[in-house]
Amino acid sequence: MESMKKQYLKSGSGRKKEKEEMKRCFFENGSIFLRELIADCNGKSIPIRSFSSSQILQATNNFDSSCSVSEDAYYKWYIGRIVDRSYMVKRFSEDKISGHRLGEVYNDIVLSARMSSHSNFLKLLGCCLEFPFPVLVFEFADNGVLNQRGGVTVNGEESLLPWGLRLKIGKEIANAVTYLQMAFPKIIIHRDVKPMHVFLDKNWTAKLSDLSFSISLPEGKTRIEAERILGTFGYLDPLYHATSFVTEYTDVYSFGICLLVFVTGRPAVFTGSDGDPLGLLTYVRGLCENGNLDDVVDPKMAKDITSGQKLQVDACVVLALRCCEERDEDRPKMI
């Protein structure tokens, strides 16, 4: 009886500490979030719903792997259901986010909220501030997220998309990136445009996500020197990597690689015939220079495209290579 009493008191004490920790996280995260949101939105109201930790944990079965649909180096995506509605839930990895990366978490929240009115961004609906790092709640994407080959995974199996849909997704990614660059007084550069950050809703509409690496150029300026080089190997602009300067063409380069992924059905970096890593851009350039443009097209798609679509594919290859020119001035503007 005495041991049961001690266990009860211990468990009660544990719950009390847990509640105190949740309260501390809520006020600490809330104050940072509010400060960043006010600074970014210039006093304009952006409604963000608040979710409780119990709602999030119940929706994701305590962040069980069975509810996970995608992951990056610093976070995981889960499917969760709250009050008869499905959501995409984004949880940052507590063991990988520290120090300078904390700002990226709030950058993602604030800019995602700002972009929520655009149809080609994944809409942020709310967040939970009761965890060490905020957990974000987005609209549900019925058709999941693109993989590194520009396809989707259905019931554990990879499904490649038809050309018409790939082209539509490419256009919609371009719409989103153009909005970042033109809709606000300060140009916003995403810095990590890639298929794995693109979700697809029930109508197969592309929804760009993950604005944690995004950076705003000073008003009236066309470039800024970044403190750290951020992005994904294979999609990262070599000029940005070499100089540390971010420009609107940084995203143009990444978009060009996305187009090549859609055309070829290959990842941005893959294993070449000699067993060494091979960049997709180098691979496509080599084929084009040798007059083998037909070999660029994803063979699983090539047999189903019409002669008119083949012209679209060829034009996309030419455009993608222009986007990936070495010099900024040789690349097209996103618009």
Protein backbone atom coordinates (compact mmCIF):
# COMPACT_ATOMS: atom_id res chain seq x y z
CA MET A 1 0.00 0.00 0.00
CA GLU A 2 2.83 2.32 0.93
CA SER A 3 4.65 1.62 -2.35
CA MET A 4 1.47 2.36 -4.32
CA LYS A 5 1.12 5.64 -2.48
CA LYS A 6 4.72 6.59 -3.31
CA GLN A 7 4.19 5.65 -6.96
CA TYR A 8 1.03 7.76 -7.10
CA LEU A 9 2.82 10.75 -5.58
CA LYS A 10 5.72 10.25 -7.96
CA SER A 11 3.46 10.05 -11.02
CA GLY A 12 1.56 13.11 -9.84
CA SER A 13 4.82 14.98 -9.43
CA GLY A 14 5.89 13.88 -12.92
CA ARG A 15 2.67 15.15 -14.47
CA LYS A 16 3.09 18.45 -12.66
CA LYS A 17 6.63 18.87 -14.02
CA GLU A 18 5.41 17.95 -17.49
CA LYS A 19 2.69 20.58 -17.34
CA GLU A 20 5.18 23.17 -16.09
CA GLU A 21 7.52 22.32 -18.98
CA MET A 22 4.65 22.64 -21.48
CA LYS A 23 3.74 26.01 -19.98
CA ARG A 24 7.35 27.18 -20.21
CA CYS A 25 7.60 26.08 -23.85
CA PHE A 26 4.30 27.76 -24.67
CA PHE A 27 5.32 31.15 -23.32
CA GLU A 28 8.87 30.99 -24.67
CA ASN A 29 7.83 29.84 -28.15
CA GLY A 30 4.82 32.14 -28.17
CA SER A 31 6.84 35.25 -27.41
CA ILE A 32 9.37 34.52 -30.17
CA PHE A 33 6.63 33.67 -32.65
CA LEU A 34 4.66 36.81 -31.87
CA ARG A 35 7.73 39.02 -32.18
CA GLU A 36 8.70 37.50 -35.54
CA LEU A 37 5.15 37.61 -36.87
CA ILE A 38 4.66 41.28 -35.96
CA ALA A 39 8.02 42.21 -37.49
CA ASP A 40 7.23 40.39 -40.72
CA CYS A 41 3.60 41.37 -41.20
CA ASN A 42 3.89 45.05 -40.32
CA GLY A 43 0.88 44.92 -38.03
CA LYS A 44 -1.38 43.05 -40.45
CA SER A 45 -3.39 40.23 -38.91
CA ILE A 46 -2.76 36.66 -40.07
CA PRO A 47 -5.04 34.19 -38.27
CA ILE A 48 -3.20 31.16 -36.89
CA ARG A 49 -5.13 28.54 -34.96
CA SER A 50 -3.65 27.22 -31.73
CA PHE A 51 -3.61 23.44 -31.23
CA SER A 52 -2.92 21.71 -27.91
CA SER A 53 -0.21 19.12 -27.41
CA SER A 54 -2.85 16.51 -26.56
CA GLN A 55 -4.56 17.13 -29.93
CA ILE A 56 -1.27 16.77 -31.79
CA LEU A 57 -0.20 13.64 -29.92
CA GLN A 58 -3.56 11.97 -30.40
CA ALA A 59 -3.66 12.90 -34.09
CA THR A 60 -0.21 11.44 -34.80
CA ASN A 61 -0.41 8.53 -32.33
CA ASN A 62 2.43 10.12 -30.32
CA PHE A 63 4.37 10.84 -33.52
CA ASP A 64 4.37 7.18 -34.48
CA SER A 65 6.30 6.21 -37.61
CA SER A 66 3.12 4.72 -39.09
CA CYS A 67 1.77 8.28 -39.41
CA SER A 68 4.96 9.65 -40.98
CA VAL A 69 4.84 10.42 -44.70
CA SER A 70 8.10 12.25 -45.35
CA GLU A 71 11.21 13.51 -43.63
CA ASP A 72 14.07 15.90 -44.16
CA ALA A 73 17.31 16.39 -42.27
CA TYR A 74 15.66 18.58 -39.63
CA TYR A 75 12.01 17.56 -39.47
CA LYS A 76 9.36 14.93 -40.18
CA TRP A 77 5.91 15.19 -41.76
CA TYR A 78 2.97 13.28 -40.32
CA ILE A 79 -0.64 12.77 -41.32
CA GLY A 80 -2.95 13.57 -38.42
CA ARG A 81 -6.68 13.79 -37.87
CA ILE A 82 -8.15 16.36 -35.49
CA VAL A 83 -11.91 16.70 -34.99
CA ASP A 84 -12.78 14.75 -38.15
CA ARG A 85 -10.38 16.70 -40.37
CA SER A 86 -7.06 15.52 -41.78
CA TYR A 87 -3.94 17.68 -41.59
CA MET A 88 -0.25 17.60 -42.47
CA VAL A 89 1.72 17.94 -39.23
CA LYS A 90 5.34 19.10 -39.31
CA ARG A 91 7.58 18.35 -36.35
CA PHE A 92 11.14 19.64 -36.11
CA SER A 93 13.75 17.23 -34.73
CA GLU A 94 14.69 18.43 -31.25
CA ASP A 95 18.11 16.74 -31.38
CA LYS A 96 19.02 18.46 -34.67
CA ILE A 97 17.72 21.99 -34.10
CA SER A 98 19.88 24.18 -31.90
CA GLY A 99 21.46 27.59 -31.75
CA HIS A 100 21.48 29.29 -35.16
CA ARG A 101 18.90 26.84 -36.57
CA LEU A 102 16.22 27.97 -34.14
CA GLY A 103 15.60 31.04 -36.28
CA GLU A 104 14.87 28.81 -39.27
CA VAL A 105 11.95 27.23 -37.40
CA TYR A 106 10.30 30.60 -36.84
CA ASN A 107 11.19 31.72 -40.35
CA ASP A 108 9.19 28.76 -41.64
CA ILE A 109 6.16 29.63 -39.48
CA VAL A 110 6.10 33.32 -40.28
CA LEU A 111 6.66 33.05 -44.03
CA SER A 112 4.31 30.06 -44.39
CA ALA A 113 1.61 32.15 -42.71
CA ARG A 114 2.37 35.01 -45.06
CA MET A 115 2.09 32.78 -48.16
CA SER A 116 -1.08 30.97 -47.09
CA SER A 117 -3.31 33.00 -49.40
CA HIS A 118 -1.49 31.72 -52.49
CA SER A 119 -2.86 28.54 -54.07
CA ASN A 120 0.58 27.09 -54.79
CA PHE A 121 1.88 27.14 -51.22
CA LEU A 122 0.95 24.57 -48.59
CA LYS A 123 -1.42 26.52 -46.35
CA LEU A 124 -0.42 26.91 -42.70
CA LEU A 125 -3.52 26.56 -40.54
CA GLY A 126 -2.06 26.65 -37.05
CA CYS A 127 0.62 25.48 -34.67
CA CYS A 128 1.19 24.03 -31.23
CA LEU A 129 3.60 25.92 -28.97
CA GLU A 130 3.60 23.38 -26.11
CA PHE A 131 6.61 21.41 -27.38
CA PRO A 132 10.29 22.45 -27.18
CA PHE A 133 9.92 23.62 -30.80
CA PRO A 134 6.61 24.63 -32.39
CA VAL A 135 4.75 21.88 -34.22
CA LEU A 136 3.13 23.20 -37.41
CA VAL A 137 -0.27 22.17 -38.75
CA PHE A 138 -0.90 22.54 -42.49
CA GLU A 139 -3.72 21.75 -44.88
CA PHE A 140 -4.01 18.11 -45.90
CA ALA A 141 -2.35 17.04 -49.17
CA ASP A 142 -4.39 14.10 -50.45
CA ASN A 143 -1.83 12.98 -53.04
CA GLY A 144 1.20 13.26 -50.80
CA VAL A 145 4.61 14.75 -51.51
CA LEU A 146 6.90 14.37 -54.51
CA ASN A 147 9.94 12.15 -54.11
CA GLN A 148 13.47 12.68 -55.43
CA ARG A 149 12.49 11.31 -58.86
CA GLY A 150 9.53 13.69 -59.20
CA GLY A 151 7.00 10.91 -58.58
CA VAL A 152 4.77 9.96 -55.67
CA THR A 153 4.64 6.91 -53.43
CA VAL A 154 1.29 5.12 -53.30
CA ASN A 155 0.80 2.23 -50.87
CA GLY A 156 4.55 1.89 -50.52
CA GLU A 157 5.19 1.76 -54.26
CA GLU A 158 6.62 4.53 -56.42
CA SER A 159 4.29 5.89 -59.07
CA LEU A 160 5.70 8.11 -61.83
CA LEU A 161 3.44 10.84 -63.17
CA PRO A 162 2.35 11.46 -66.80
CA TRP A 163 3.98 14.30 -68.70
CA GLY A 164 0.97 16.61 -68.66
CA LEU A 165 0.89 16.49 -64.86
CA ARG A 166 4.64 16.94 -64.55
CA LEU A 167 4.44 20.06 -66.74
CA LYS A 168 1.51 21.40 -64.70
CA ILE A 169 3.44 20.90 -61.46
CA GLY A 170 6.47 22.65 -62.96
CA LYS A 171 4.34 25.66 -63.92
CA GLU A 172 2.80 25.84 -60.45
CA ILE A 173 6.18 25.70 -58.73
CA ALA A 174 7.23 28.56 -61.02
CA ASN A 175 4.09 30.49 -59.95
CA ALA A 176 5.00 30.05 -56.29
CA VAL A 177 8.63 31.10 -56.69
CA THR A 178 7.62 34.10 -58.83
CA TYR A 179 5.20 35.17 -56.10
CA LEU A 180 8.03 35.10 -53.57
CA GLN A 181 10.14 37.29 -55.82
CA MET A 182 7.53 39.82 -56.95
CA ALA A 183 4.64 40.12 -54.48
CA PHE A 184 6.40 42.01 -51.68
CA PRO A 185 8.61 45.10 -51.34
CA LYS A 186 11.53 42.82 -50.48
CA ILE A 187 12.38 39.95 -52.82
CA ILE A 188 12.17 36.61 -51.00
CA ILE A 189 14.50 33.79 -52.05
CA HIS A 190 13.40 30.26 -51.09
CA ARG A 191 16.92 28.75 -51.30
CA ASP A 192 15.72 25.13 -51.25
CA VAL A 193 13.37 24.61 -54.21
CA LYS A 194 13.16 20.87 -54.92
CA PRO A 195 10.46 18.25 -55.63
CA MET A 196 10.65 16.87 -52.08
CA HIS A 197 9.21 20.17 -50.82
CA VAL A 198 6.20 19.99 -53.13
CA PHE A 199 2.90 18.52 -51.91
CA LEU A 200 -0.07 17.65 -54.11
CA ASP A 201 -3.69 18.24 -53.09
CA LYS A 202 -6.74 16.22 -54.20
CA ASN A 203 -6.76 18.07 -57.54
CA TRP A 204 -3.02 17.43 -58.05
CA THR A 205 -2.29 21.12 -57.49
CA ALA A 206 1.34 21.71 -56.48
CA LYS A 207 1.90 23.22 -53.04
CA LEU A 208 5.42 24.46 -52.31
CA SER A 209 6.48 24.17 -48.65
CA ASP A 210 9.42 24.61 -46.27
CA LEU A 211 10.39 28.26 -46.10
CA SER A 212 12.87 27.76 -43.26
CA PHE A 213 15.91 28.57 -45.44
CA SER A 214 14.22 31.55 -47.13
CA ILE A 215 15.90 34.92 -47.02
CA SER A 216 14.71 38.44 -47.89
CA LEU A 217 16.86 40.77 -49.94
CA PRO A 218 17.18 44.34 -48.64
CA GLU A 219 14.55 46.55 -50.23
CA GLY A 220 15.78 47.83 -53.58
CA LYS A 221 18.71 45.37 -53.60
CA THR A 222 19.21 42.44 -55.95
CA ARG A 223 21.53 40.36 -53.79
CA ILE A 224 22.67 39.73 -50.23
CA GLU A 225 25.65 37.92 -48.75
CA ALA A 226 24.49 34.93 -46.71
CA GLU A 227 26.12 34.04 -43.40
CA ARG A 228 25.79 30.32 -44.19
CA ILE A 229 25.34 28.34 -47.40
CA LEU A 230 21.96 26.61 -47.13
CA GLY A 231 20.26 24.33 -49.62
CA THR A 232 20.35 20.79 -50.95
CA PHE A 233 23.27 19.20 -52.78
CA GLY A 234 22.37 18.78 -56.44
CA TYR A 235 19.93 21.71 -56.40
CA LEU A 236 22.34 24.26 -54.92
CA ASP A 237 23.41 27.06 -57.27
CA PRO A 238 27.22 26.72 -57.75
CA LEU A 239 27.55 30.50 -58.06
CA TYR A 240 25.84 31.01 -54.71
CA HIS A 241 28.00 28.27 -53.20
CA ALA A 242 31.19 29.90 -54.53
CA THR A 243 30.42 33.52 -53.60
CA SER A 244 27.92 33.27 -50.70
CA PHE A 245 25.74 35.83 -52.50
CA VAL A 246 22.02 35.05 -52.78
CA THR A 247 20.10 36.49 -55.75
CA GLU A 248 16.80 35.78 -57.45
CA TYR A 249 18.76 33.54 -59.82
CA THR A 250 19.63 31.24 -56.91
CA ASP A 251 16.07 29.89 -57.09
CA VAL A 252 16.08 29.96 -60.90
CA TYR A 253 18.96 27.46 -60.88
CA SER A 254 17.17 25.13 -58.43
CA PHE A 255 14.00 25.36 -60.51
CA GLY A 256 15.99 24.35 -63.59
CA ILE A 257 17.15 21.20 -61.82
CA CYS A 258 13.52 20.48 -60.82
CA LEU A 259 12.53 20.63 -64.51
CA LEU A 260 15.27 18.17 -65.40
CA VAL A 261 14.05 15.81 -62.67
CA PHE A 262 10.51 15.96 -64.13
CA VAL A 263 11.77 15.32 -67.67
CA THR A 264 14.20 12.50 -66.86
CA GLY A 265 12.58 10.85 -63.84
CA ARG A 266 16.03 10.79 -62.23
CA PRO A 267 17.22 12.30 -58.91
CA ALA A 268 19.38 15.43 -58.97
CA VAL A 269 22.36 13.24 -58.11
CA PHE A 270 22.50 9.53 -58.99
CA THR A 271 25.03 6.75 -59.51
CA GLY A 272 26.63 6.85 -62.95
CA SER A 273 27.66 3.91 -65.11
CA ASP A 274 31.14 3.97 -63.51
CA GLY A 275 29.66 3.68 -60.02
CA ASP A 276 30.48 7.27 -59.04
CA PRO A 277 27.93 9.99 -58.16
CA LEU A 278 26.77 11.90 -61.23
CA GLY A 279 24.97 15.24 -61.26
CA LEU A 280 21.80 15.32 -63.34
CA LEU A 281 22.80 18.58 -65.00
CA THR A 282 26.13 17.13 -66.15
CA TYR A 283 24.36 14.02 -67.43
CA VAL A 284 21.76 15.96 -69.46
CA ARG A 285 24.31 18.41 -70.85
CA GLY A 286 26.44 15.49 -72.02
CA LEU A 287 23.53 13.90 -73.85
CA CYS A 288 22.50 17.18 -75.50
CA GLU A 289 26.05 17.99 -76.59
CA ASN A 290 26.27 14.56 -78.24
CA GLY A 291 22.97 15.08 -80.04
CA ASN A 292 21.13 12.51 -77.91
CA LEU A 293 18.26 14.73 -76.76
CA ASP A 294 15.79 11.84 -77.12
CA ASP A 295 17.70 9.87 -74.48
CA VAL A 296 17.04 12.61 -71.89
CA VAL A 297 13.34 11.72 -71.57
CA ASP A 298 12.22 9.34 -68.84
CA PRO A 299 11.86 6.02 -70.72
CA LYS A 300 8.77 5.14 -68.66
CA MET A 301 7.11 8.27 -70.01
CA ALA A 302 8.55 8.40 -73.54
CA LYS A 303 6.32 5.69 -74.99
CA ASP A 304 3.14 7.52 -73.94
CA ILE A 305 3.82 11.10 -75.06
CA THR A 306 2.45 12.56 -78.28
CA SER A 307 4.51 14.42 -80.89
CA GLY A 308 3.14 17.71 -79.52
CA GLN A 309 4.16 16.76 -75.98
CA LYS A 310 7.60 15.78 -77.23
CA LEU A 311 8.05 19.38 -78.40
CA GLN A 312 7.08 20.54 -74.89
CA VAL A 313 9.61 18.16 -73.34
CA ASP A 314 12.38 19.39 -75.64
CA ALA A 315 11.49 23.02 -74.86
CA CYS A 316 11.60 22.25 -71.13
CA VAL A 317 15.08 20.76 -71.46
CA VAL A 318 16.30 23.87 -73.28
CA LEU A 319 14.69 26.11 -70.63
CA ALA A 320 16.12 24.05 -67.76
CA LEU A 321 19.63 24.31 -69.21
CA ARG A 322 19.20 28.09 -69.53
CA CYS A 323 18.13 28.25 -65.88
CA CYS A 324 21.32 26.43 -64.94
CA GLU A 325 23.79 28.59 -66.87
CA GLU A 326 26.95 29.41 -64.90
CA ARG A 327 26.47 33.19 -64.97
CA ASP A 328 23.44 34.96 -63.53
CA GLU A 329 23.08 37.20 -66.54
CA ASP A 330 22.70 34.19 -68.82
CA ARG A 331 19.75 32.78 -66.86
CA PRO A 332 16.14 33.87 -67.41
CA LYS A 333 14.21 35.70 -64.69
CA MET A 334 11.69 33.59 -62.83
CA ILE A 335 8.76 35.52 -64.29
